[in-house]
Amino acid sequence: MATEAGMSVDAFRTHLRRDLEETCKANGKTYDNNQARGFAFQLWVSDLLLRVHDIDQAPDDTVFTTNDLKIDIAFDEEETKTLCLSQTKHESGDVKESDVTDFFLRHSILLDQREWVREHASEELNDLISDYRQRVAEGWNINFYFISTGSASDRVKKLAAAMDV
């Protein structure tokens, strides 16, 4: 994964593409397949977030692809009382407002619609977030990350900033 400080946007894109191509190849997938490319991006982001939070866990164990409730990546760290939830979008167009709002509404859904969450989340994801309300009450650091390769308009940036969860 690219970690150069001061890297240009073009250099970053080149590094990211190379990393995603390598991840696709390592998983027996082709970068030309949109779904495979998206999964590779999820793994790439998971690796990045795990390193940012200094958590020693395999990215594969934090990525959810089915019954994910629009949460592509989720992991926690008991010692620091940190829960990280992320939605990723590998796309070349504009970031959709609805994608941003849908993701950040997860906070309210996880707090207030526990039965719906239990019914629709994968067993693994449910195991991780079933006590969400309790974690919030106990003062856990809940980090929501919406990470996309798309372009965000000023309006979308303001919307994301206003989504105080």
N, C-alpha and C. Protein backbone atom coordinates (compact mmCIF):
# COMPACT_ATOMS: atom_id res chain seq x y z
N MET A 1 0.84 -1.17 0.00
CA MET A 1 0.00 0.00 0.00
C MET A 1 0.88 1.24 0.00
N ALA A 2 0.48 2.24 -0.75
CA ALA A 2 1.24 3.47 -0.87
C ALA A 2 1.15 4.29 0.41
N THR A 3 2.30 4.77 0.88
CA THR A 3 2.29 5.58 2.10
C THR A 3 3.15 6.83 1.97
N GLU A 4 3.56 7.20 0.76
CA GLU A 4 4.40 8.37 0.56
C GLU A 4 3.68 9.65 0.95
N ALA A 5 4.34 10.47 1.76
CA ALA A 5 3.79 11.77 2.10
C ALA A 5 3.97 12.71 0.91
N GLY A 6 3.03 13.57 0.67
CA GLY A 6 3.14 14.54 -0.40
C GLY A 6 2.96 13.96 -1.78
N MET A 7 2.36 12.82 -1.88
CA MET A 7 2.14 12.16 -3.16
C MET A 7 1.08 12.92 -3.97
N SER A 8 1.32 13.06 -5.26
CA SER A 8 0.34 13.73 -6.11
C SER A 8 -0.89 12.84 -6.28
N VAL A 9 -1.98 13.43 -6.69
CA VAL A 9 -3.21 12.67 -6.92
C VAL A 9 -2.98 11.61 -7.98
N ASP A 10 -2.29 11.97 -9.06
CA ASP A 10 -2.03 10.99 -10.13
C ASP A 10 -1.15 9.85 -9.63
N ALA A 11 -0.15 10.17 -8.83
CA ALA A 11 0.72 9.12 -8.29
C ALA A 11 -0.09 8.21 -7.35
N PHE A 12 -0.97 8.83 -6.56
CA PHE A 12 -1.81 8.03 -5.67
C PHE A 12 -2.71 7.09 -6.48
N ARG A 13 -3.31 7.60 -7.52
CA ARG A 13 -4.18 6.76 -8.36
C ARG A 13 -3.41 5.58 -8.94
N THR A 14 -2.20 5.85 -9.38
CA THR A 14 -1.36 4.78 -9.94
C THR A 14 -1.05 3.73 -8.88
N HIS A 15 -0.66 4.18 -7.69
CA HIS A 15 -0.37 3.25 -6.58
C HIS A 15 -1.62 2.45 -6.20
N LEU A 16 -2.73 3.14 -6.10
CA LEU A 16 -3.97 2.46 -5.73
C LEU A 16 -4.34 1.41 -6.77
N ARG A 17 -4.28 1.76 -8.04
CA ARG A 17 -4.61 0.80 -9.08
C ARG A 17 -3.70 -0.42 -9.01
N ARG A 18 -2.41 -0.17 -8.84
CA ARG A 18 -1.47 -1.29 -8.75
C ARG A 18 -1.80 -2.18 -7.54
N ASP A 19 -2.08 -1.55 -6.40
CA ASP A 19 -2.43 -2.32 -5.20
C ASP A 19 -3.70 -3.14 -5.43
N LEU A 20 -4.70 -2.55 -6.07
CA LEU A 20 -5.96 -3.25 -6.31
C LEU A 20 -5.77 -4.38 -7.32
N GLU A 21 -4.96 -4.14 -8.34
CA GLU A 21 -4.67 -5.20 -9.31
C GLU A 21 -3.99 -6.38 -8.63
N GLU A 22 -3.03 -6.09 -7.75
CA GLU A 22 -2.34 -7.15 -7.01
C GLU A 22 -3.29 -7.92 -6.10
N THR A 23 -4.19 -7.19 -5.44
CA THR A 23 -5.16 -7.84 -4.56
C THR A 23 -6.11 -8.72 -5.36
N CYS A 24 -6.57 -8.23 -6.50
CA CYS A 24 -7.44 -9.04 -7.35
C CYS A 24 -6.72 -10.32 -7.77
N LYS A 25 -5.51 -10.17 -8.22
CA LYS A 25 -4.73 -11.33 -8.68
C LYS A 25 -4.52 -12.33 -7.54
N ALA A 26 -4.18 -11.83 -6.35
CA ALA A 26 -3.96 -12.70 -5.20
C ALA A 26 -5.22 -13.46 -4.80
N ASN A 27 -6.39 -12.91 -5.14
CA ASN A 27 -7.66 -13.56 -4.81
C ASN A 27 -8.26 -14.29 -6.00
N GLY A 28 -7.48 -14.46 -7.06
CA GLY A 28 -7.95 -15.19 -8.24
C GLY A 28 -9.02 -14.45 -9.02
N LYS A 29 -9.01 -13.14 -8.93
CA LYS A 29 -10.01 -12.30 -9.62
C LYS A 29 -9.32 -11.44 -10.65
N THR A 30 -10.11 -10.82 -11.50
CA THR A 30 -9.57 -9.91 -12.49
C THR A 30 -9.97 -8.48 -12.17
N TYR A 31 -9.02 -7.57 -12.30
CA TYR A 31 -9.26 -6.16 -12.02
C TYR A 31 -10.33 -5.59 -12.95
N ASP A 32 -10.51 -6.19 -14.11
CA ASP A 32 -11.49 -5.70 -15.07
C ASP A 32 -12.94 -5.92 -14.61
N ASN A 33 -13.13 -6.76 -13.62
CA ASN A 33 -14.46 -7.04 -13.09
C ASN A 33 -14.78 -6.03 -11.99
N ASN A 34 -15.87 -5.28 -12.17
CA ASN A 34 -16.23 -4.21 -11.23
C ASN A 34 -16.41 -4.73 -9.81
N GLN A 35 -17.05 -5.88 -9.64
CA GLN A 35 -17.28 -6.44 -8.31
C GLN A 35 -15.96 -6.85 -7.66
N ALA A 36 -15.07 -7.46 -8.43
CA ALA A 36 -13.76 -7.86 -7.89
C ALA A 36 -12.95 -6.63 -7.50
N ARG A 37 -13.00 -5.60 -8.33
CA ARG A 37 -12.29 -4.35 -8.06
C ARG A 37 -12.84 -3.70 -6.77
N GLY A 38 -14.16 -3.72 -6.61
CA GLY A 38 -14.78 -3.17 -5.40
C GLY A 38 -14.37 -3.93 -4.16
N PHE A 39 -14.30 -5.26 -4.26
CA PHE A 39 -13.89 -6.08 -3.12
C PHE A 39 -12.42 -5.81 -2.78
N ALA A 40 -11.59 -5.68 -3.79
CA ALA A 40 -10.18 -5.37 -3.57
C ALA A 40 -10.05 -4.01 -2.86
N PHE A 41 -10.88 -3.06 -3.25
CA PHE A 41 -10.85 -1.75 -2.61
C PHE A 41 -11.28 -1.86 -1.15
N GLN A 42 -12.28 -2.69 -0.86
CA GLN A 42 -12.69 -2.90 0.52
C GLN A 42 -11.52 -3.43 1.34
N LEU A 43 -10.81 -4.42 0.81
CA LEU A 43 -9.66 -4.97 1.53
C LEU A 43 -8.57 -3.92 1.73
N TRP A 44 -8.34 -3.11 0.70
CA TRP A 44 -7.33 -2.07 0.76
C TRP A 44 -7.68 -1.06 1.86
N VAL A 45 -8.94 -0.62 1.88
CA VAL A 45 -9.39 0.34 2.90
C VAL A 45 -9.32 -0.29 4.29
N SER A 46 -9.73 -1.55 4.40
CA SER A 46 -9.68 -2.22 5.69
C SER A 46 -8.25 -2.25 6.22
N ASP A 47 -7.31 -2.60 5.35
CA ASP A 47 -5.90 -2.63 5.76
C ASP A 47 -5.47 -1.24 6.24
N LEU A 48 -5.85 -0.22 5.50
CA LEU A 48 -5.51 1.16 5.87
C LEU A 48 -6.09 1.52 7.25
N LEU A 49 -7.37 1.25 7.45
CA LEU A 49 -8.01 1.61 8.72
C LEU A 49 -7.44 0.82 9.89
N LEU A 50 -7.14 -0.45 9.68
CA LEU A 50 -6.55 -1.25 10.74
C LEU A 50 -5.18 -0.70 11.14
N ARG A 51 -4.41 -0.24 10.15
CA ARG A 51 -3.11 0.34 10.46
C ARG A 51 -3.26 1.70 11.14
N VAL A 52 -4.22 2.51 10.69
CA VAL A 52 -4.45 3.81 11.33
C VAL A 52 -4.80 3.63 12.81
N HIS A 53 -5.58 2.60 13.10
CA HIS A 53 -6.01 2.35 14.48
C HIS A 53 -5.08 1.40 15.23
N ASP A 54 -3.97 1.01 14.57
CA ASP A 54 -2.96 0.14 15.17
C ASP A 54 -3.58 -1.15 15.72
N ILE A 55 -4.39 -1.77 14.87
CA ILE A 55 -5.06 -3.02 15.25
C ILE A 55 -4.48 -4.15 14.40
N ASP A 56 -4.03 -5.19 15.06
CA ASP A 56 -3.43 -6.34 14.38
C ASP A 56 -4.53 -7.37 14.08
N GLN A 57 -5.13 -7.20 12.92
CA GLN A 57 -6.21 -8.09 12.49
C GLN A 57 -6.12 -8.20 10.97
N ALA A 58 -6.51 -9.33 10.44
CA ALA A 58 -6.47 -9.52 8.99
C ALA A 58 -7.62 -8.76 8.34
N PRO A 59 -7.34 -7.98 7.29
CA PRO A 59 -8.41 -7.26 6.59
C PRO A 59 -9.56 -8.17 6.16
N ASP A 60 -9.25 -9.38 5.75
CA ASP A 60 -10.28 -10.33 5.32
C ASP A 60 -11.33 -10.56 6.40
N ASP A 61 -10.91 -10.48 7.66
CA ASP A 61 -11.82 -10.74 8.78
C ASP A 61 -12.72 -9.56 9.11
N THR A 62 -12.50 -8.43 8.47
CA THR A 62 -13.26 -7.22 8.80
C THR A 62 -14.20 -6.78 7.69
N VAL A 63 -14.14 -7.48 6.54
CA VAL A 63 -14.92 -7.08 5.36
C VAL A 63 -16.18 -7.93 5.29
N PHE A 64 -17.29 -7.25 5.02
CA PHE A 64 -18.59 -7.92 4.91
C PHE A 64 -19.14 -7.68 3.51
N THR A 65 -19.56 -8.76 2.85
CA THR A 65 -20.03 -8.64 1.47
C THR A 65 -21.49 -9.01 1.29
N THR A 66 -22.06 -9.73 2.22
CA THR A 66 -23.48 -10.07 2.14
C THR A 66 -24.15 -9.71 3.46
N ASN A 67 -25.39 -9.29 3.36
CA ASN A 67 -26.14 -8.88 4.54
C ASN A 67 -25.32 -7.93 5.41
N ASP A 68 -24.75 -6.92 4.73
CA ASP A 68 -23.82 -6.02 5.41
C ASP A 68 -24.45 -4.73 5.91
N LEU A 69 -25.73 -4.52 5.65
CA LEU A 69 -26.43 -3.31 6.11
C LEU A 69 -25.74 -2.03 5.66
N LYS A 70 -25.08 -2.09 4.51
CA LYS A 70 -24.31 -0.96 3.96
C LYS A 70 -23.10 -0.63 4.82
N ILE A 71 -22.63 -1.64 5.54
CA ILE A 71 -21.39 -1.53 6.31
C ILE A 71 -20.43 -2.55 5.69
N ASP A 72 -19.48 -2.06 4.90
CA ASP A 72 -18.56 -2.95 4.21
C ASP A 72 -17.44 -3.44 5.10
N ILE A 73 -17.05 -2.62 6.07
CA ILE A 73 -15.92 -2.94 6.95
C ILE A 73 -16.36 -2.63 8.38
N ALA A 74 -16.07 -3.55 9.28
CA ALA A 74 -16.38 -3.31 10.69
C ALA A 74 -15.38 -4.07 11.55
N PHE A 75 -14.87 -3.38 12.55
CA PHE A 75 -13.98 -4.02 13.52
C PHE A 75 -13.99 -3.21 14.80
N ASP A 76 -13.59 -3.84 15.88
CA ASP A 76 -13.54 -3.14 17.15
C ASP A 76 -12.24 -3.44 17.87
N GLU A 77 -12.00 -2.64 18.89
CA GLU A 77 -10.82 -2.81 19.73
C GLU A 77 -11.27 -2.54 21.15
N GLU A 78 -11.36 -3.60 21.93
CA GLU A 78 -11.87 -3.51 23.31
C GLU A 78 -11.03 -2.59 24.19
N GLU A 79 -9.71 -2.69 24.08
CA GLU A 79 -8.83 -1.93 24.97
C GLU A 79 -9.04 -0.42 24.85
N THR A 80 -9.18 0.06 23.62
CA THR A 80 -9.37 1.50 23.42
C THR A 80 -10.85 1.87 23.28
N LYS A 81 -11.71 0.88 23.40
CA LYS A 81 -13.15 1.08 23.24
C LYS A 81 -13.46 1.83 21.94
N THR A 82 -13.00 1.24 20.84
CA THR A 82 -13.18 1.82 19.52
C THR A 82 -13.91 0.84 18.62
N LEU A 83 -14.93 1.34 17.92
CA LEU A 83 -15.65 0.58 16.92
C LEU A 83 -15.57 1.36 15.62
N CYS A 84 -15.12 0.71 14.56
CA CYS A 84 -15.00 1.35 13.26
C CYS A 84 -15.96 0.71 12.28
N LEU A 85 -16.71 1.54 11.58
CA LEU A 85 -17.66 1.10 10.56
C LEU A 85 -17.39 1.90 9.30
N SER A 86 -17.31 1.21 8.17
CA SER A 86 -16.97 1.90 6.93
C SER A 86 -17.80 1.41 5.77
N GLN A 87 -18.10 2.33 4.89
CA GLN A 87 -18.72 2.04 3.59
C GLN A 87 -17.71 2.48 2.54
N THR A 88 -17.46 1.63 1.57
CA THR A 88 -16.51 1.97 0.50
C THR A 88 -17.22 1.98 -0.84
N LYS A 89 -16.76 2.84 -1.71
CA LYS A 89 -17.30 2.93 -3.08
C LYS A 89 -16.12 3.13 -4.02
N HIS A 90 -15.84 2.14 -4.84
CA HIS A 90 -14.80 2.29 -5.86
C HIS A 90 -15.52 2.67 -7.14
N GLU A 91 -15.44 3.94 -7.49
CA GLU A 91 -16.17 4.44 -8.65
C GLU A 91 -15.41 5.60 -9.26
N SER A 92 -15.71 5.88 -10.50
CA SER A 92 -15.01 6.97 -11.17
C SER A 92 -15.88 8.22 -11.30
N GLY A 93 -17.16 8.09 -11.03
CA GLY A 93 -18.06 9.24 -11.17
C GLY A 93 -18.21 10.02 -9.88
N ASP A 94 -19.30 10.73 -9.81
CA ASP A 94 -19.60 11.54 -8.63
C ASP A 94 -20.16 10.68 -7.50
N VAL A 95 -19.83 11.05 -6.29
CA VAL A 95 -20.39 10.41 -5.11
C VAL A 95 -21.85 10.84 -5.00
N LYS A 96 -22.73 9.88 -4.80
CA LYS A 96 -24.16 10.18 -4.70
C LYS A 96 -24.50 10.61 -3.27
N GLU A 97 -25.32 11.65 -3.17
CA GLU A 97 -25.78 12.10 -1.86
C GLU A 97 -26.47 10.97 -1.10
N SER A 98 -27.26 10.21 -1.81
CA SER A 98 -28.00 9.13 -1.15
C SER A 98 -27.07 8.08 -0.54
N ASP A 99 -25.92 7.82 -1.18
CA ASP A 99 -24.96 6.88 -0.60
C ASP A 99 -24.41 7.41 0.72
N VAL A 100 -24.13 8.70 0.75
CA VAL A 100 -23.59 9.32 1.96
C VAL A 100 -24.63 9.30 3.08
N THR A 101 -25.84 9.77 2.79
CA THR A 101 -26.86 9.82 3.84
C THR A 101 -27.25 8.42 4.29
N ASP A 102 -27.39 7.48 3.36
CA ASP A 102 -27.74 6.11 3.74
C ASP A 102 -26.72 5.52 4.70
N PHE A 103 -25.45 5.77 4.42
CA PHE A 103 -24.42 5.22 5.31
C PHE A 103 -24.47 5.86 6.69
N PHE A 104 -24.51 7.18 6.73
CA PHE A 104 -24.46 7.84 8.03
C PHE A 104 -25.75 7.66 8.84
N LEU A 105 -26.83 7.26 8.19
CA LEU A 105 -28.05 6.92 8.92
C LEU A 105 -27.93 5.59 9.65
N ARG A 106 -26.87 4.85 9.37
CA ARG A 106 -26.65 3.57 10.07
C ARG A 106 -26.63 3.79 11.58
N HIS A 107 -26.10 4.91 12.04
CA HIS A 107 -26.04 5.17 13.48
C HIS A 107 -27.44 5.09 14.10
N SER A 108 -28.38 5.81 13.52
CA SER A 108 -29.76 5.78 14.05
C SER A 108 -30.38 4.40 13.92
N ILE A 109 -30.13 3.75 12.81
CA ILE A 109 -30.69 2.41 12.59
C ILE A 109 -30.12 1.43 13.61
N LEU A 110 -28.82 1.48 13.84
CA LEU A 110 -28.20 0.57 14.81
C LEU A 110 -28.69 0.83 16.23
N LEU A 111 -29.00 2.10 16.54
CA LEU A 111 -29.51 2.45 17.86
C LEU A 111 -30.97 2.05 18.04
N ASP A 112 -31.79 2.37 17.05
CA ASP A 112 -33.24 2.33 17.23
C ASP A 112 -33.97 1.15 16.59
N GLN A 113 -33.31 0.43 15.70
CA GLN A 113 -34.00 -0.66 14.98
C GLN A 113 -33.27 -1.98 15.17
N ARG A 114 -33.05 -2.32 16.41
CA ARG A 114 -32.24 -3.51 16.73
C ARG A 114 -32.84 -4.80 16.17
N GLU A 115 -34.16 -4.92 16.18
CA GLU A 115 -34.78 -6.14 15.65
C GLU A 115 -34.55 -6.25 14.14
N TRP A 116 -34.71 -5.14 13.43
CA TRP A 116 -34.47 -5.14 11.99
C TRP A 116 -33.00 -5.48 11.70
N VAL A 117 -32.09 -4.91 12.48
CA VAL A 117 -30.66 -5.20 12.31
C VAL A 117 -30.41 -6.69 12.52
N ARG A 118 -30.97 -7.24 13.57
CA ARG A 118 -30.79 -8.67 13.87
C ARG A 118 -31.30 -9.54 12.73
N GLU A 119 -32.42 -9.15 12.13
CA GLU A 119 -33.01 -9.94 11.05
C GLU A 119 -32.24 -9.84 9.74
N HIS A 120 -31.57 -8.71 9.50
CA HIS A 120 -30.98 -8.47 8.18
C HIS A 120 -29.46 -8.49 8.13
N ALA A 121 -28.80 -8.46 9.26
CA ALA A 121 -27.33 -8.49 9.27
C ALA A 121 -26.84 -9.93 9.20
N SER A 122 -25.68 -10.11 8.59
CA SER A 122 -25.06 -11.43 8.62
C SER A 122 -24.77 -11.79 10.08
N GLU A 123 -24.61 -13.04 10.35
CA GLU A 123 -24.35 -13.48 11.72
C GLU A 123 -23.07 -12.84 12.26
N GLU A 124 -22.04 -12.77 11.42
CA GLU A 124 -20.76 -12.20 11.86
C GLU A 124 -20.90 -10.70 12.17
N LEU A 125 -21.59 -9.97 11.29
CA LEU A 125 -21.77 -8.54 11.53
C LEU A 125 -22.66 -8.32 12.75
N ASN A 126 -23.70 -9.09 12.88
CA ASN A 126 -24.59 -8.96 14.03
C ASN A 126 -23.83 -9.20 15.34
N ASP A 127 -22.94 -10.18 15.33
CA ASP A 127 -22.13 -10.44 16.53
C ASP A 127 -21.33 -9.20 16.94
N LEU A 128 -20.89 -8.45 15.96
CA LEU A 128 -20.05 -7.29 16.21
C LEU A 128 -20.86 -6.05 16.64
N ILE A 129 -22.07 -5.91 16.12
CA ILE A 129 -22.83 -4.68 16.37
C ILE A 129 -24.08 -4.86 17.22
N SER A 130 -24.35 -6.06 17.68
CA SER A 130 -25.58 -6.29 18.44
C SER A 130 -25.65 -5.48 19.73
N ASP A 131 -24.50 -5.12 20.27
CA ASP A 131 -24.47 -4.32 21.51
C ASP A 131 -24.14 -2.86 21.23
N TYR A 132 -24.48 -2.38 20.04
CA TYR A 132 -24.16 -1.02 19.62
C TYR A 132 -24.68 0.03 20.60
N ARG A 133 -25.92 -0.10 20.98
CA ARG A 133 -26.54 0.88 21.89
C ARG A 133 -25.77 0.93 23.22
N GLN A 134 -25.39 -0.23 23.72
CA GLN A 134 -24.64 -0.29 24.98
C GLN A 134 -23.26 0.36 24.82
N ARG A 135 -22.61 0.11 23.69
CA ARG A 135 -21.29 0.71 23.46
C ARG A 135 -21.39 2.24 23.42
N VAL A 136 -22.42 2.74 22.75
CA VAL A 136 -22.61 4.19 22.69
C VAL A 136 -22.82 4.73 24.11
N ALA A 137 -23.65 4.06 24.89
CA ALA A 137 -23.93 4.50 26.26
C ALA A 137 -22.67 4.46 27.14
N GLU A 138 -21.77 3.53 26.85
CA GLU A 138 -20.54 3.39 27.63
C GLU A 138 -19.43 4.32 27.15
N GLY A 139 -19.73 5.13 26.14
CA GLY A 139 -18.76 6.11 25.68
C GLY A 139 -17.71 5.60 24.70
N TRP A 140 -18.03 4.52 24.02
CA TRP A 140 -17.09 4.02 23.02
C TRP A 140 -16.89 5.07 21.93
N ASN A 141 -15.72 5.07 21.32
CA ASN A 141 -15.45 5.88 20.14
C ASN A 141 -16.00 5.12 18.94
N ILE A 142 -17.03 5.65 18.34
CA ILE A 142 -17.63 5.03 17.16
C ILE A 142 -17.19 5.85 15.95
N ASN A 143 -16.42 5.24 15.07
CA ASN A 143 -15.89 5.93 13.90
C ASN A 143 -16.60 5.45 12.65
N PHE A 144 -17.22 6.38 11.94
CA PHE A 144 -17.87 6.10 10.66
C PHE A 144 -16.99 6.66 9.55
N TYR A 145 -16.64 5.80 8.60
CA TYR A 145 -15.81 6.21 7.47
C TYR A 145 -16.54 5.90 6.16
N PHE A 146 -16.80 6.92 5.39
CA PHE A 146 -17.32 6.75 4.03
C PHE A 146 -16.14 7.06 3.11
N ILE A 147 -15.64 6.05 2.42
CA ILE A 147 -14.43 6.21 1.62
C ILE A 147 -14.73 5.82 0.18
N SER A 148 -14.46 6.76 -0.71
CA SER A 148 -14.79 6.57 -2.12
C SER A 148 -13.67 7.09 -3.01
N THR A 149 -13.54 6.50 -4.16
CA THR A 149 -12.62 7.01 -5.18
C THR A 149 -13.33 8.00 -6.09
N GLY A 150 -14.61 8.18 -5.89
CA GLY A 150 -15.40 9.12 -6.69
C GLY A 150 -15.14 10.56 -6.29
N SER A 151 -15.71 11.46 -7.03
CA SER A 151 -15.58 12.89 -6.75
C SER A 151 -16.78 13.36 -5.93
N ALA A 152 -16.48 14.11 -4.89
CA ALA A 152 -17.54 14.65 -4.04
C ALA A 152 -17.73 16.13 -4.35
N SER A 153 -18.94 16.49 -4.67
CA SER A 153 -19.25 17.90 -4.90
C SER A 153 -19.18 18.65 -3.57
N ASP A 154 -19.14 19.97 -3.64
CA ASP A 154 -19.15 20.77 -2.42
C ASP A 154 -20.39 20.46 -1.59
N ARG A 155 -21.51 20.25 -2.28
CA ARG A 155 -22.76 19.94 -1.60
C ARG A 155 -22.65 18.62 -0.83
N VAL A 156 -22.06 17.59 -1.45
CA VAL A 156 -21.89 16.29 -0.79
C VAL A 156 -20.91 16.42 0.38
N LYS A 157 -19.86 17.19 0.21
CA LYS A 157 -18.90 17.40 1.30
C LYS A 157 -19.57 18.07 2.49
N LYS A 158 -20.40 19.07 2.23
CA LYS A 158 -21.12 19.75 3.31
C LYS A 158 -22.10 18.81 3.99
N LEU A 159 -22.76 17.99 3.19
CA LEU A 159 -23.70 17.02 3.74
C LEU A 159 -22.99 16.05 4.65
N ALA A 160 -21.88 15.51 4.19
CA ALA A 160 -21.12 14.56 5.02
C ALA A 160 -20.65 15.21 6.31
N ALA A 161 -20.16 16.45 6.22
CA ALA A 161 -19.70 17.16 7.41
C ALA A 161 -20.84 17.42 8.40
N ALA A 162 -22.04 17.60 7.88
CA ALA A 162 -23.20 17.89 8.73
C ALA A 162 -23.78 16.65 9.38
N MET A 163 -23.40 15.47 8.90
CA MET A 163 -23.93 14.23 9.43
C MET A 163 -23.20 13.90 10.73
N ASP A 164 -23.58 14.56 11.79
CA ASP A 164 -22.93 14.41 13.09
C ASP A 164 -23.46 13.17 13.79
N VAL A 165 -22.67 12.10 13.69
CA VAL A 165 -23.09 10.86 14.36
C VAL A 165 -22.17 10.54 15.51
